[in-house]
Amino acid sequence: LMYVTVYVTDQDRALAFYTEGLGLQKRIDYTGPDGRFLTVAAGDDP
């Protein structure tokens, strides 16, 4: 399993919740022609 998707209304607010709140790590934060691709993960979990 590579990714799961959680739909959010505000990516910055969600990023703060998942990183500062739950303690996950930000992995990818890339803005391209399709929008912002933002991911988080637990520890070394792939």
PDB file of all heavy atoms in Angstrom:
ATOM      1  N   LEU A   1       0.855  -1.173   0.000  1.00  0.00           N
ATOM      2  CA  LEU A   1       0.000   0.000   0.000  1.00  0.00           C
ATOM      3  C   LEU A   1       0.896   1.229   0.000  1.00  0.00           C
ATOM      4  O   LEU A   1       1.827   1.337   0.795  1.00  0.00           O
ATOM      5  CB  LEU A   1      -0.892  -0.010   1.248  1.00  0.00           C
ATOM      6  CG  LEU A   1      -1.883   1.123   1.398  1.00  0.00           C
ATOM      7  CD1 LEU A   1      -2.856   1.150   0.220  1.00  0.00           C
ATOM      8  CD2 LEU A   1      -2.639   0.970   2.702  1.00  0.00           C
ATOM      9  N   MET A   2       0.620   2.176  -0.904  1.00  0.00           N
ATOM     10  CA  MET A   2       1.456   3.352  -1.071  1.00  0.00           C
ATOM     11  C   MET A   2       0.858   4.587  -0.403  1.00  0.00           C
ATOM     12  O   MET A   2       1.523   5.273   0.362  1.00  0.00           O
ATOM     13  CB  MET A   2       1.624   3.586  -2.577  1.00  0.00           C
ATOM     14  CG  MET A   2       2.663   4.530  -2.988  1.00  0.00           C
ATOM     15  SD  MET A   2       2.774   4.368  -4.800  1.00  0.00           S
ATOM     16  CE  MET A   2       3.549   5.898  -5.157  1.00  0.00           C
ATOM     17  N   TYR A   3      -0.416   4.896  -0.719  1.00  0.00           N
ATOM     18  CA  TYR A   3      -1.090   6.073  -0.194  1.00  0.00           C
ATOM     19  C   TYR A   3      -2.525   5.748   0.200  1.00  0.00           C
ATOM     20  O   TYR A   3      -3.137   4.850  -0.359  1.00  0.00           O
ATOM     21  CB  TYR A   3      -1.204   7.184  -1.264  1.00  0.00           C
ATOM     22  CG  TYR A   3       0.087   7.719  -1.806  1.00  0.00           C
ATOM     23  CD1 TYR A   3       0.434   7.505  -3.133  1.00  0.00           C
ATOM     24  CD2 TYR A   3       0.941   8.476  -1.020  1.00  0.00           C
ATOM     25  CE1 TYR A   3       1.607   8.020  -3.659  1.00  0.00           C
ATOM     26  CE2 TYR A   3       2.116   8.998  -1.534  1.00  0.00           C
ATOM     27  CZ  TYR A   3       2.444   8.770  -2.855  1.00  0.00           C
ATOM     28  OH  TYR A   3       3.603   9.271  -3.371  1.00  0.00           O
ATOM     29  N   VAL A   4      -3.060   6.537   1.134  1.00  0.00           N
ATOM     30  CA  VAL A   4      -4.494   6.628   1.378  1.00  0.00           C
ATOM     31  C   VAL A   4      -4.815   8.117   1.327  1.00  0.00           C
ATOM     32  O   VAL A   4      -3.960   8.953   1.622  1.00  0.00           O
ATOM     33  CB  VAL A   4      -4.939   6.013   2.729  1.00  0.00           C
ATOM     34  CG1 VAL A   4      -4.684   4.527   2.750  1.00  0.00           C
ATOM     35  CG2 VAL A   4      -4.249   6.691   3.886  1.00  0.00           C
ATOM     36  N   THR A   5      -6.027   8.462   0.933  1.00  0.00           N
ATOM     37  CA  THR A   5      -6.401   9.863   0.792  1.00  0.00           C
ATOM     38  C   THR A   5      -7.428  10.264   1.830  1.00  0.00           C
ATOM     39  O   THR A   5      -8.408   9.557   2.045  1.00  0.00           O
ATOM     40  CB  THR A   5      -6.989  10.121  -0.614  1.00  0.00           C
ATOM     41  OG1 THR A   5      -6.020   9.746  -1.596  1.00  0.00           O
ATOM     42  CG2 THR A   5      -7.348  11.580  -0.795  1.00  0.00           C
ATOM     43  N   VAL A   6      -7.186  11.400   2.457  1.00  0.00           N
ATOM     44  CA  VAL A   6      -8.138  12.023   3.367  1.00  0.00           C
ATOM     45  C   VAL A   6      -8.470  13.374   2.752  1.00  0.00           C
ATOM     46  O   VAL A   6      -7.575  14.174   2.469  1.00  0.00           O
ATOM     47  CB  VAL A   6      -7.549  12.191   4.783  1.00  0.00           C
ATOM     48  CG1 VAL A   6      -8.476  13.008   5.665  1.00  0.00           C
ATOM     49  CG2 VAL A   6      -7.269  10.839   5.415  1.00  0.00           C
ATOM     50  N   TYR A   7      -9.757  13.620   2.512  1.00  0.00           N
ATOM     51  CA  TYR A   7     -10.177  14.884   1.916  1.00  0.00           C
ATOM     52  C   TYR A   7     -10.321  15.949   2.989  1.00  0.00           C
ATOM     53  O   TYR A   7     -10.958  15.716   4.016  1.00  0.00           O
ATOM     54  CB  TYR A   7     -11.487  14.701   1.146  1.00  0.00           C
ATOM     55  CG  TYR A   7     -11.302  13.792  -0.040  1.00  0.00           C
ATOM     56  CD1 TYR A   7     -11.678  12.462   0.011  1.00  0.00           C
ATOM     57  CD2 TYR A   7     -10.700  14.275  -1.198  1.00  0.00           C
ATOM     58  CE1 TYR A   7     -11.480  11.627  -1.073  1.00  0.00           C
ATOM     59  CE2 TYR A   7     -10.497  13.441  -2.296  1.00  0.00           C
ATOM     60  CZ  TYR A   7     -10.891  12.116  -2.217  1.00  0.00           C
ATOM     61  OH  TYR A   7     -10.676  11.294  -3.288  1.00  0.00           O
ATOM     62  N   VAL A   8      -9.714  17.113   2.741  1.00  0.00           N
ATOM     63  CA  VAL A   8      -9.701  18.197   3.724  1.00  0.00           C
ATOM     64  C   VAL A   8     -10.096  19.510   3.060  1.00  0.00           C
ATOM     65  O   VAL A   8      -9.886  19.695   1.860  1.00  0.00           O
ATOM     66  CB  VAL A   8      -8.303  18.331   4.378  1.00  0.00           C
ATOM     67  CG1 VAL A   8      -7.924  17.038   5.099  1.00  0.00           C
ATOM     68  CG2 VAL A   8      -7.234  18.681   3.356  1.00  0.00           C
ATOM     69  N   THR A   9     -10.664  20.414   3.836  1.00  0.00           N
ATOM     70  CA  THR A   9     -11.065  21.700   3.273  1.00  0.00           C
ATOM     71  C   THR A   9      -9.951  22.735   3.322  1.00  0.00           C
ATOM     72  O   THR A   9      -9.990  23.721   2.588  1.00  0.00           O
ATOM     73  CB  THR A   9     -12.300  22.266   4.014  1.00  0.00           C
ATOM     74  OG1 THR A   9     -11.979  22.384   5.404  1.00  0.00           O
ATOM     75  CG2 THR A   9     -13.505  21.354   3.825  1.00  0.00           C
ATOM     76  N   ASP A  10      -8.953  22.532   4.176  1.00  0.00           N
ATOM     77  CA  ASP A  10      -7.837  23.468   4.303  1.00  0.00           C
ATOM     78  C   ASP A  10      -6.573  22.648   4.551  1.00  0.00           C
ATOM     79  O   ASP A  10      -6.388  22.096   5.639  1.00  0.00           O
ATOM     80  CB  ASP A  10      -8.114  24.433   5.462  1.00  0.00           C
ATOM     81  CG  ASP A  10      -7.027  25.466   5.669  1.00  0.00           C
ATOM     82  OD1 ASP A  10      -5.826  25.130   5.558  1.00  0.00           O
ATOM     83  OD2 ASP A  10      -7.380  26.616   5.969  1.00  0.00           O
ATOM     84  N   GLN A  11      -5.697  22.563   3.542  1.00  0.00           N
ATOM     85  CA  GLN A  11      -4.514  21.715   3.658  1.00  0.00           C
ATOM     86  C   GLN A  11      -3.564  22.177   4.756  1.00  0.00           C
ATOM     87  O   GLN A  11      -2.971  21.347   5.442  1.00  0.00           O
ATOM     88  CB  GLN A  11      -3.780  21.627   2.315  1.00  0.00           C
ATOM     89  CG  GLN A  11      -4.501  20.759   1.304  1.00  0.00           C
ATOM     90  CD  GLN A  11      -3.787  20.736  -0.027  1.00  0.00           C
ATOM     91  OE1 GLN A  11      -3.578  21.783  -0.638  1.00  0.00           O
ATOM     92  NE2 GLN A  11      -3.421  19.555  -0.475  1.00  0.00           N
ATOM     93  N   ASP A  12      -3.396  23.479   4.952  1.00  0.00           N
ATOM     94  CA  ASP A  12      -2.502  23.959   6.004  1.00  0.00           C
ATOM     95  C   ASP A  12      -3.034  23.607   7.392  1.00  0.00           C
ATOM     96  O   ASP A  12      -2.273  23.167   8.263  1.00  0.00           O
ATOM     97  CB  ASP A  12      -2.286  25.471   5.889  1.00  0.00           C
ATOM     98  CG  ASP A  12      -1.438  25.840   4.676  1.00  0.00           C
ATOM     99  OD1 ASP A  12      -0.501  25.087   4.353  1.00  0.00           O
ATOM    100  OD2 ASP A  12      -1.721  26.881   4.057  1.00  0.00           O
ATOM    101  N   ARG A  13      -4.327  23.765   7.588  1.00  0.00           N
ATOM    102  CA  ARG A  13      -4.938  23.416   8.869  1.00  0.00           C
ATOM    103  C   ARG A  13      -4.822  21.910   9.108  1.00  0.00           C
ATOM    104  O   ARG A  13      -4.492  21.461  10.212  1.00  0.00           O
ATOM    105  CB  ARG A  13      -6.395  23.859   8.898  1.00  0.00           C
ATOM    106  CG  ARG A  13      -7.101  23.578  10.215  1.00  0.00           C
ATOM    107  CD  ARG A  13      -8.514  24.068  10.207  1.00  0.00           C
ATOM    108  NE  ARG A  13      -9.301  23.243   9.278  1.00  0.00           N
ATOM    109  CZ  ARG A  13     -10.602  23.344   9.125  1.00  0.00           C
ATOM    110  NH1 ARG A  13     -11.279  24.248   9.796  1.00  0.00           N
ATOM    111  NH2 ARG A  13     -11.241  22.560   8.281  1.00  0.00           N
ATOM    112  N   ALA A  14      -5.066  21.119   8.070  1.00  0.00           N
ATOM    113  CA  ALA A  14      -4.945  19.663   8.188  1.00  0.00           C
ATOM    114  C   ALA A  14      -3.506  19.260   8.483  1.00  0.00           C
ATOM    115  O   ALA A  14      -3.253  18.391   9.324  1.00  0.00           O
ATOM    116  CB  ALA A  14      -5.439  18.995   6.912  1.00  0.00           C
ATOM    117  N   LEU A  15      -2.547  19.904   7.807  1.00  0.00           N
ATOM    118  CA  LEU A  15      -1.136  19.593   8.045  1.00  0.00           C
ATOM    119  C   LEU A  15      -0.773  19.848   9.505  1.00  0.00           C
ATOM    120  O   LEU A  15      -0.103  19.019  10.131  1.00  0.00           O
ATOM    121  CB  LEU A  15      -0.248  20.423   7.116  1.00  0.00           C
ATOM    122  CG  LEU A  15       1.257  20.197   7.267  1.00  0.00           C
ATOM    123  CD1 LEU A  15       1.629  18.750   6.945  1.00  0.00           C
ATOM    124  CD2 LEU A  15       2.016  21.168   6.365  1.00  0.00           C
ATOM    125  N   ALA A  16      -1.226  20.947  10.063  1.00  0.00           N
ATOM    126  CA  ALA A  16      -0.957  21.245  11.474  1.00  0.00           C
ATOM    127  C   ALA A  16      -1.569  20.181  12.383  1.00  0.00           C
ATOM    128  O   ALA A  16      -0.928  19.710  13.328  1.00  0.00           O
ATOM    129  CB  ALA A  16      -1.489  22.634  11.840  1.00  0.00           C
ATOM    130  N   PHE A  17      -2.798  19.749  12.095  1.00  0.00           N
ATOM    131  CA  PHE A  17      -3.449  18.721  12.905  1.00  0.00           C
ATOM    132  C   PHE A  17      -2.655  17.413  12.873  1.00  0.00           C
ATOM    133  O   PHE A  17      -2.365  16.819  13.914  1.00  0.00           O
ATOM    134  CB  PHE A  17      -4.874  18.468  12.405  1.00  0.00           C
ATOM    135  CG  PHE A  17      -5.534  17.281  13.049  1.00  0.00           C
ATOM    136  CD1 PHE A  17      -6.156  17.399  14.276  1.00  0.00           C
ATOM    137  CD2 PHE A  17      -5.518  16.044  12.431  1.00  0.00           C
ATOM    138  CE1 PHE A  17      -6.749  16.305  14.882  1.00  0.00           C
ATOM    139  CE2 PHE A  17      -6.110  14.940  13.029  1.00  0.00           C
ATOM    140  CZ  PHE A  17      -6.726  15.070  14.256  1.00  0.00           C
ATOM    141  N   TYR A  18      -2.304  16.961  11.679  1.00  0.00           N
ATOM    142  CA  TYR A  18      -1.654  15.664  11.544  1.00  0.00           C
ATOM    143  C   TYR A  18      -0.198  15.672  12.016  1.00  0.00           C
ATOM    144  O   TYR A  18       0.293  14.654  12.511  1.00  0.00           O
ATOM    145  CB  TYR A  18      -1.762  15.162  10.103  1.00  0.00           C
ATOM    146  CG  TYR A  18      -3.149  14.682   9.775  1.00  0.00           C
ATOM    147  CD1 TYR A  18      -4.107  15.539   9.235  1.00  0.00           C
ATOM    148  CD2 TYR A  18      -3.542  13.378  10.043  1.00  0.00           C
ATOM    149  CE1 TYR A  18      -5.397  15.111   8.955  1.00  0.00           C
ATOM    150  CE2 TYR A  18      -4.834  12.936   9.776  1.00  0.00           C
ATOM    151  CZ  TYR A  18      -5.747  13.818   9.231  1.00  0.00           C
ATOM    152  OH  TYR A  18      -7.028  13.385   8.978  1.00  0.00           O
ATOM    153  N   THR A  19       0.501  16.805  11.884  1.00  0.00           N
ATOM    154  CA  THR A  19       1.901  16.850  12.314  1.00  0.00           C
ATOM    155  C   THR A  19       2.026  17.329  13.760  1.00  0.00           C
ATOM    156  O   THR A  19       2.575  16.617  14.601  1.00  0.00           O
ATOM    157  CB  THR A  19       2.749  17.737  11.385  1.00  0.00           C
ATOM    158  OG1 THR A  19       2.208  19.056  11.330  1.00  0.00           O
ATOM    159  CG2 THR A  19       2.835  17.137   9.989  1.00  0.00           C
ATOM    160  N   GLU A  20       1.522  18.516  14.061  1.00  0.00           N
ATOM    161  CA  GLU A  20       1.657  19.062  15.411  1.00  0.00           C
ATOM    162  C   GLU A  20       0.752  18.354  16.406  1.00  0.00           C
ATOM    163  O   GLU A  20       1.128  18.170  17.562  1.00  0.00           O
ATOM    164  CB  GLU A  20       1.343  20.558  15.404  1.00  0.00           C
ATOM    165  CG  GLU A  20       2.307  21.363  14.562  1.00  0.00           C
ATOM    166  CD  GLU A  20       1.826  22.776  14.309  1.00  0.00           C
ATOM    167  OE1 GLU A  20       0.950  23.272  15.062  1.00  0.00           O
ATOM    168  OE2 GLU A  20       2.306  23.389  13.335  1.00  0.00           O
ATOM    169  N   GLY A  21      -0.452  17.965  15.969  1.00  0.00           N
ATOM    170  CA  GLY A  21      -1.392  17.295  16.858  1.00  0.00           C
ATOM    171  C   GLY A  21      -1.096  15.824  17.024  1.00  0.00           C
ATOM    172  O   GLY A  21      -0.795  15.352  18.116  1.00  0.00           O
ATOM    173  N   LEU A  22      -1.203  15.074  15.919  1.00  0.00           N
ATOM    174  CA  LEU A  22      -1.003  13.621  15.991  1.00  0.00           C
ATOM    175  C   LEU A  22       0.469  13.218  16.003  1.00  0.00           C
ATOM    176  O   LEU A  22       0.795  12.092  16.350  1.00  0.00           O
ATOM    177  CB  LEU A  22      -1.701  12.926  14.821  1.00  0.00           C
ATOM    178  CG  LEU A  22      -3.226  12.936  14.837  1.00  0.00           C
ATOM    179  CD1 LEU A  22      -3.767  12.199  13.620  1.00  0.00           C
ATOM    180  CD2 LEU A  22      -3.785  12.334  16.116  1.00  0.00           C
ATOM    181  N   GLY A  23       1.360  14.114  15.603  1.00  0.00           N
ATOM    182  CA  GLY A  23       2.789  13.791  15.631  1.00  0.00           C
ATOM    183  C   GLY A  23       3.300  13.051  14.412  1.00  0.00           C
ATOM    184  O   GLY A  23       4.381  12.469  14.453  1.00  0.00           O
ATOM    185  N   LEU A  24       2.535  13.054  13.306  1.00  0.00           N
ATOM    186  CA  LEU A  24       3.026  12.431  12.080  1.00  0.00           C
ATOM    187  C   LEU A  24       4.058  13.345  11.435  1.00  0.00           C
ATOM    188  O   LEU A  24       4.204  14.507  11.800  1.00  0.00           O
ATOM    189  CB  LEU A  24       1.868  12.169  11.109  1.00  0.00           C
ATOM    190  CG  LEU A  24       0.729  11.290  11.644  1.00  0.00           C
ATOM    191  CD1 LEU A  24      -0.309  11.065  10.551  1.00  0.00           C
ATOM    192  CD2 LEU A  24       1.253   9.971  12.162  1.00  0.00           C
ATOM    193  N   GLN A  25       4.777  12.820  10.437  1.00  0.00           N
ATOM    194  CA  GLN A  25       5.810  13.584   9.745  1.00  0.00           C
ATOM    195  C   GLN A  25       5.332  14.015   8.373  1.00  0.00           C
ATOM    196  O   GLN A  25       4.720  13.218   7.655  1.00  0.00           O
ATOM    197  CB  GLN A  25       7.068  12.739   9.574  1.00  0.00           C
ATOM    198  CG  GLN A  25       7.668  12.269  10.862  1.00  0.00           C
ATOM    199  CD  GLN A  25       8.775  11.244  10.630  1.00  0.00           C
ATOM    200  OE1 GLN A  25       9.034  10.813   9.518  1.00  0.00           O
ATOM    201  NE2 GLN A  25       9.422  10.848  11.701  1.00  0.00           N
ATOM    202  N   LYS A  26       5.647  15.258   7.997  1.00  0.00           N
ATOM    203  CA  LYS A  26       5.354  15.704   6.637  1.00  0.00           C
ATOM    204  C   LYS A  26       6.364  15.029   5.715  1.00  0.00           C
ATOM    205  O   LYS A  26       7.551  15.033   5.983  1.00  0.00           O
ATOM    206  CB  LYS A  26       5.462  17.224   6.523  1.00  0.00           C
ATOM    207  CG  LYS A  26       5.181  17.720   5.111  1.00  0.00           C
ATOM    208  CD  LYS A  26       5.053  19.224   5.024  1.00  0.00           C
ATOM    209  CE  LYS A  26       6.392  19.889   5.170  1.00  0.00           C
ATOM    210  NZ  LYS A  26       6.346  21.332   4.845  1.00  0.00           N
ATOM    211  N   ARG A  27       5.881  14.426   4.637  1.00  0.00           N
ATOM    212  CA  ARG A  27       6.757  13.737   3.690  1.00  0.00           C
ATOM    213  C   ARG A  27       6.913  14.522   2.390  1.00  0.00           C
ATOM    214  O   ARG A  27       8.008  14.769   1.948  1.00  0.00           O
ATOM    215  CB  ARG A  27       6.225  12.341   3.374  1.00  0.00           C
ATOM    216  CG  ARG A  27       6.284  11.373   4.529  1.00  0.00           C
ATOM    217  CD  ARG A  27       7.668  10.746   4.652  1.00  0.00           C
ATOM    218  NE  ARG A  27       7.732   9.794   5.730  1.00  0.00           N
ATOM    219  CZ  ARG A  27       7.404   8.512   5.619  1.00  0.00           C
ATOM    220  NH1 ARG A  27       6.986   8.022   4.469  1.00  0.00           N
ATOM    221  NH2 ARG A  27       7.485   7.718   6.661  1.00  0.00           N
ATOM    222  N   ILE A  28       5.788  14.852   1.759  1.00  0.00           N
ATOM    223  CA  ILE A  28       5.831  15.534   0.463  1.00  0.00           C
ATOM    224  C   ILE A  28       4.966  16.781   0.544  1.00  0.00           C
ATOM    225  O   ILE A  28       3.859  16.738   1.082  1.00  0.00           O
ATOM    226  CB  ILE A  28       5.301  14.632  -0.674  1.00  0.00           C
ATOM    227  CG1 ILE A  28       6.134  13.361  -0.801  1.00  0.00           C
ATOM    228  CG2 ILE A  28       5.275  15.390  -2.004  1.00  0.00           C
ATOM    229  CD1 ILE A  28       5.542  12.336  -1.756  1.00  0.00           C
ATOM    230  N   ASP A  29       5.472  17.886   0.013  1.00  0.00           N
ATOM    231  CA  ASP A  29       4.690  19.118  -0.097  1.00  0.00           C
ATOM    232  C   ASP A  29       5.100  19.762  -1.416  1.00  0.00           C
ATOM    233  O   ASP A  29       6.075  20.510  -1.488  1.00  0.00           O
ATOM    234  CB  ASP A  29       4.959  20.049   1.083  1.00  0.00           C
ATOM    235  CG  ASP A  29       3.973  21.212   1.144  1.00  0.00           C
ATOM    236  OD1 ASP A  29       3.212  21.405   0.170  1.00  0.00           O
ATOM    237  OD2 ASP A  29       3.973  21.916   2.171  1.00  0.00           O
ATOM    238  N   TYR A  30       4.372  19.425  -2.475  1.00  0.00           N
ATOM    239  CA  TYR A  30       4.718  19.860  -3.826  1.00  0.00           C
ATOM    240  C   TYR A  30       3.507  20.505  -4.474  1.00  0.00           C
ATOM    241  O   TYR A  30       2.425  19.913  -4.503  1.00  0.00           O
ATOM    242  CB  TYR A  30       5.173  18.662  -4.660  1.00  0.00           C
ATOM    243  CG  TYR A  30       5.378  18.992  -6.111  1.00  0.00           C
ATOM    244  CD1 TYR A  30       6.522  19.645  -6.530  1.00  0.00           C
ATOM    245  CD2 TYR A  30       4.408  18.664  -7.049  1.00  0.00           C
ATOM    246  CE1 TYR A  30       6.702  19.964  -7.876  1.00  0.00           C
ATOM    247  CE2 TYR A  30       4.586  18.976  -8.395  1.00  0.00           C
ATOM    248  CZ  TYR A  30       5.735  19.625  -8.796  1.00  0.00           C
ATOM    249  OH  TYR A  30       5.912  19.947 -10.113  1.00  0.00           O
ATOM    250  N   THR A  31       3.708  21.718  -4.981  1.00  0.00           N
ATOM    251  CA  THR A  31       2.643  22.393  -5.705  1.00  0.00           C
ATOM    252  C   THR A  31       2.979  22.377  -7.189  1.00  0.00           C
ATOM    253  O   THR A  31       4.035  22.869  -7.592  1.00  0.00           O
ATOM    254  CB  THR A  31       2.465  23.841  -5.210  1.00  0.00           C
ATOM    255  OG1 THR A  31       2.183  23.803  -3.811  1.00  0.00           O
ATOM    256  CG2 THR A  31       1.326  24.524  -5.942  1.00  0.00           C
ATOM    257  N   GLY A  32       2.092  21.778  -7.960  1.00  0.00           N
ATOM    258  CA  GLY A  32       2.285  21.673  -9.396  1.00  0.00           C
ATOM    259  C   GLY A  32       1.018  22.061 -10.127  1.00  0.00           C
ATOM    260  O   GLY A  32       0.074  22.594  -9.523  1.00  0.00           O
ATOM    261  N   PRO A  33       0.961  21.770 -11.417  1.00  0.00           N
ATOM    262  CA  PRO A  33      -0.198  22.162 -12.214  1.00  0.00           C
ATOM    263  C   PRO A  33      -1.507  21.502 -11.772  1.00  0.00           C
ATOM    264  O   PRO A  33      -2.584  22.040 -12.036  1.00  0.00           O
ATOM    265  CB  PRO A  33       0.182  21.742 -13.636  1.00  0.00           C
ATOM    266  CG  PRO A  33       1.309  20.782 -13.488  1.00  0.00           C
ATOM    267  CD  PRO A  33       1.983  21.088 -12.191  1.00  0.00           C
ATOM    268  N   ASP A  34      -1.432  20.364 -11.089  1.00  0.00           N
ATOM    269  CA  ASP A  34      -2.642  19.677 -10.627  1.00  0.00           C
ATOM    270  C   ASP A  34      -3.042  20.075  -9.214  1.00  0.00           C
ATOM    271  O   ASP A  34      -3.991  19.524  -8.654  1.00  0.00           O
ATOM    272  CB  ASP A  34      -2.444  18.160 -10.691  1.00  0.00           C
ATOM    273  CG  ASP A  34      -2.276  17.664 -12.109  1.00  0.00           C
ATOM    274  OD1 ASP A  34      -2.893  18.242 -13.017  1.00  0.00           O
ATOM    275  OD2 ASP A  34      -1.509  16.705 -12.305  1.00  0.00           O
ATOM    276  N   GLY A  35      -2.299  20.984  -8.602  1.00  0.00           N
ATOM    277  CA  GLY A  35      -2.590  21.403  -7.239  1.00  0.00           C
ATOM    278  C   GLY A  35      -1.479  21.010  -6.291  1.00  0.00           C
ATOM    279  O   GLY A  35      -0.404  20.575  -6.697  1.00  0.00           O
ATOM    280  N   ARG A  36      -1.757  21.150  -5.014  1.00  0.00           N
ATOM    281  CA  ARG A  36      -0.766  20.845  -3.977  1.00  0.00           C
ATOM    282  C   ARG A  36      -0.873  19.376  -3.583  1.00  0.00           C
ATOM    283  O   ARG A  36      -1.923  18.920  -3.135  1.00  0.00           O
ATOM    284  CB  ARG A  36      -1.018  21.738  -2.764  1.00  0.00           C
ATOM    285  CG  ARG A  36      -0.010  21.582  -1.654  1.00  0.00           C
ATOM    286  CD  ARG A  36      -0.329  22.545  -0.529  1.00  0.00           C
ATOM    287  NE  ARG A  36       0.631  22.455   0.562  1.00  0.00           N
ATOM    288  CZ  ARG A  36       0.437  22.985   1.757  1.00  0.00           C
ATOM    289  NH1 ARG A  36      -0.686  23.663   2.012  1.00  0.00           N
ATOM    290  NH2 ARG A  36       1.345  22.857   2.698  1.00  0.00           N
ATOM    291  N   PHE A  37       0.230  18.659  -3.718  1.00  0.00           N
ATOM    292  CA  PHE A  37       0.312  17.261  -3.323  1.00  0.00           C
ATOM    293  C   PHE A  37       1.011  17.237  -1.972  1.00  0.00           C
ATOM    294  O   PHE A  37       2.198  17.530  -1.873  1.00  0.00           O
ATOM    295  CB  PHE A  37       1.080  16.447  -4.360  1.00  0.00           C
ATOM    296  CG  PHE A  37       1.077  14.968  -4.089  1.00  0.00           C
ATOM    297  CD1 PHE A  37      -0.062  14.220  -4.327  1.00  0.00           C
ATOM    298  CD2 PHE A  37       2.203  14.335  -3.595  1.00  0.00           C
ATOM    299  CE1 PHE A  37      -0.081  12.849  -4.088  1.00  0.00           C
ATOM    300  CE2 PHE A  37       2.198  12.969  -3.348  1.00  0.00           C
ATOM    301  CZ  PHE A  37       1.053  12.237  -3.595  1.00  0.00           C
ATOM    302  N   LEU A  38       0.257  16.916  -0.909  1.00  0.00           N
ATOM    303  CA  LEU A  38       0.737  17.014   0.455  1.00  0.00           C
ATOM    304  C   LEU A  38       0.519  15.679   1.147  1.00  0.00           C
ATOM    305  O   LEU A  38      -0.606  15.168   1.175  1.00  0.00           O
ATOM    306  CB  LEU A  38      -0.047  18.126   1.168  1.00  0.00           C
ATOM    307  CG  LEU A  38       0.249  18.401   2.626  1.00  0.00           C
ATOM    308  CD1 LEU A  38       1.699  18.848   2.831  1.00  0.00           C
ATOM    309  CD2 LEU A  38      -0.719  19.463   3.149  1.00  0.00           C
ATOM    310  N   THR A  39       1.597  15.114   1.720  1.00  0.00           N
ATOM    311  CA  THR A  39       1.458  13.833   2.407  1.00  0.00           C
ATOM    312  C   THR A  39       2.111  13.875   3.785  1.00  0.00           C
ATOM    313  O   THR A  39       3.046  14.638   4.031  1.00  0.00           O
ATOM    314  CB  THR A  39       2.084  12.655   1.618  1.00  0.00           C
ATOM    315  OG1 THR A  39       3.513  12.749   1.644  1.00  0.00           O
ATOM    316  CG2 THR A  39       1.581  12.613   0.192  1.00  0.00           C
ATOM    317  N   VAL A  40       1.605  13.012   4.665  1.00  0.00           N
ATOM    318  CA  VAL A  40       2.158  12.800   5.998  1.00  0.00           C
ATOM    319  C   VAL A  40       2.228  11.293   6.231  1.00  0.00           C
ATOM    320  O   VAL A  40       1.550  10.516   5.558  1.00  0.00           O
ATOM    321  CB  VAL A  40       1.303  13.471   7.097  1.00  0.00           C
ATOM    322  CG1 VAL A  40       1.318  14.987   6.952  1.00  0.00           C
ATOM    323  CG2 VAL A  40      -0.120  12.948   7.096  1.00  0.00           C
ATOM    324  N   ALA A  41       3.059  10.890   7.194  1.00  0.00           N
ATOM    325  CA  ALA A  41       3.173   9.475   7.516  1.00  0.00           C
ATOM    326  C   ALA A  41       3.635   9.315   8.956  1.00  0.00           C
ATOM    327  O   ALA A  41       4.203  10.230   9.553  1.00  0.00           O
ATOM    328  CB  ALA A  41       4.151   8.779   6.569  1.00  0.00           C
ATOM    329  N   ALA A  42       3.419   8.125   9.492  1.00  0.00           N
ATOM    330  CA  ALA A  42       3.846   7.792  10.849  1.00  0.00           C
ATOM    331  C   ALA A  42       5.252   7.213  10.808  1.00  0.00           C
ATOM    332  O   ALA A  42       5.485   6.193  10.166  1.00  0.00           O
ATOM    333  CB  ALA A  42       2.888   6.787  11.479  1.00  0.00           C
ATOM    334  N   GLY A  43       6.195   7.864  11.475  1.00  0.00           N
ATOM    335  CA  GLY A  43       7.559   7.354  11.585  1.00  0.00           C
ATOM    336  C   GLY A  43       8.150   6.943  10.255  1.00  0.00           C
ATOM    337  O   GLY A  43       8.114   7.686   9.287  1.00  0.00           O
ATOM    338  N   ASP A  44       8.677   5.723  10.206  1.00  0.00           N
ATOM    339  CA  ASP A  44       9.293   5.193   8.992  1.00  0.00           C
ATOM    340  C   ASP A  44       8.315   4.408   8.136  1.00  0.00           C
ATOM    341  O   ASP A  44       8.716   3.742   7.186  1.00  0.00           O
ATOM    342  CB  ASP A  44      10.476   4.283   9.358  1.00  0.00           C
ATOM    343  CG  ASP A  44      11.614   5.055  10.010  1.00  0.00           C
ATOM    344  OD1 ASP A  44      11.782   6.255   9.686  1.00  0.00           O
ATOM    345  OD2 ASP A  44      12.324   4.473  10.835  1.00  0.00           O
ATOM    346  N   ASP A  45       7.034   4.444   8.472  1.00  0.00           N
ATOM    347  CA  ASP A  45       6.027   3.699   7.720  1.00  0.00           C
ATOM    348  C   ASP A  45       6.044   4.124   6.257  1.00  0.00           C
ATOM    349  O   ASP A  45       6.037   5.311   5.947  1.00  0.00           O
ATOM    350  CB  ASP A  45       4.648   3.961   8.314  1.00  0.00           C
ATOM    351  CG  ASP A  45       3.591   2.990   7.840  1.00  0.00           C
ATOM    352  OD1 ASP A  45       3.626   2.593   6.657  1.00  0.00           O
ATOM    353  OD2 ASP A  45       2.720   2.636   8.638  1.00  0.00           O
ATOM    354  N   PRO A  46       6.062   3.178   5.333  1.00  0.00           N
ATOM    355  CA  PRO A  46       6.076   3.539   3.913  1.00  0.00           C
ATOM    356  C   PRO A  46       4.737   4.040   3.384  1.00  0.00           C
ATOM    357  O   PRO A  46       4.679   4.661   2.330  1.00  0.00           O
ATOM    358  CB  PRO A  46       6.469   2.235   3.211  1.00  0.00           C
ATOM    359  CG  PRO A  46       6.010   1.163   4.136  1.00  0.00           C
ATOM    360  CD  PRO A  46       6.166   1.730   5.532  1.00  0.00           C
TER     361      PRO A  46
END
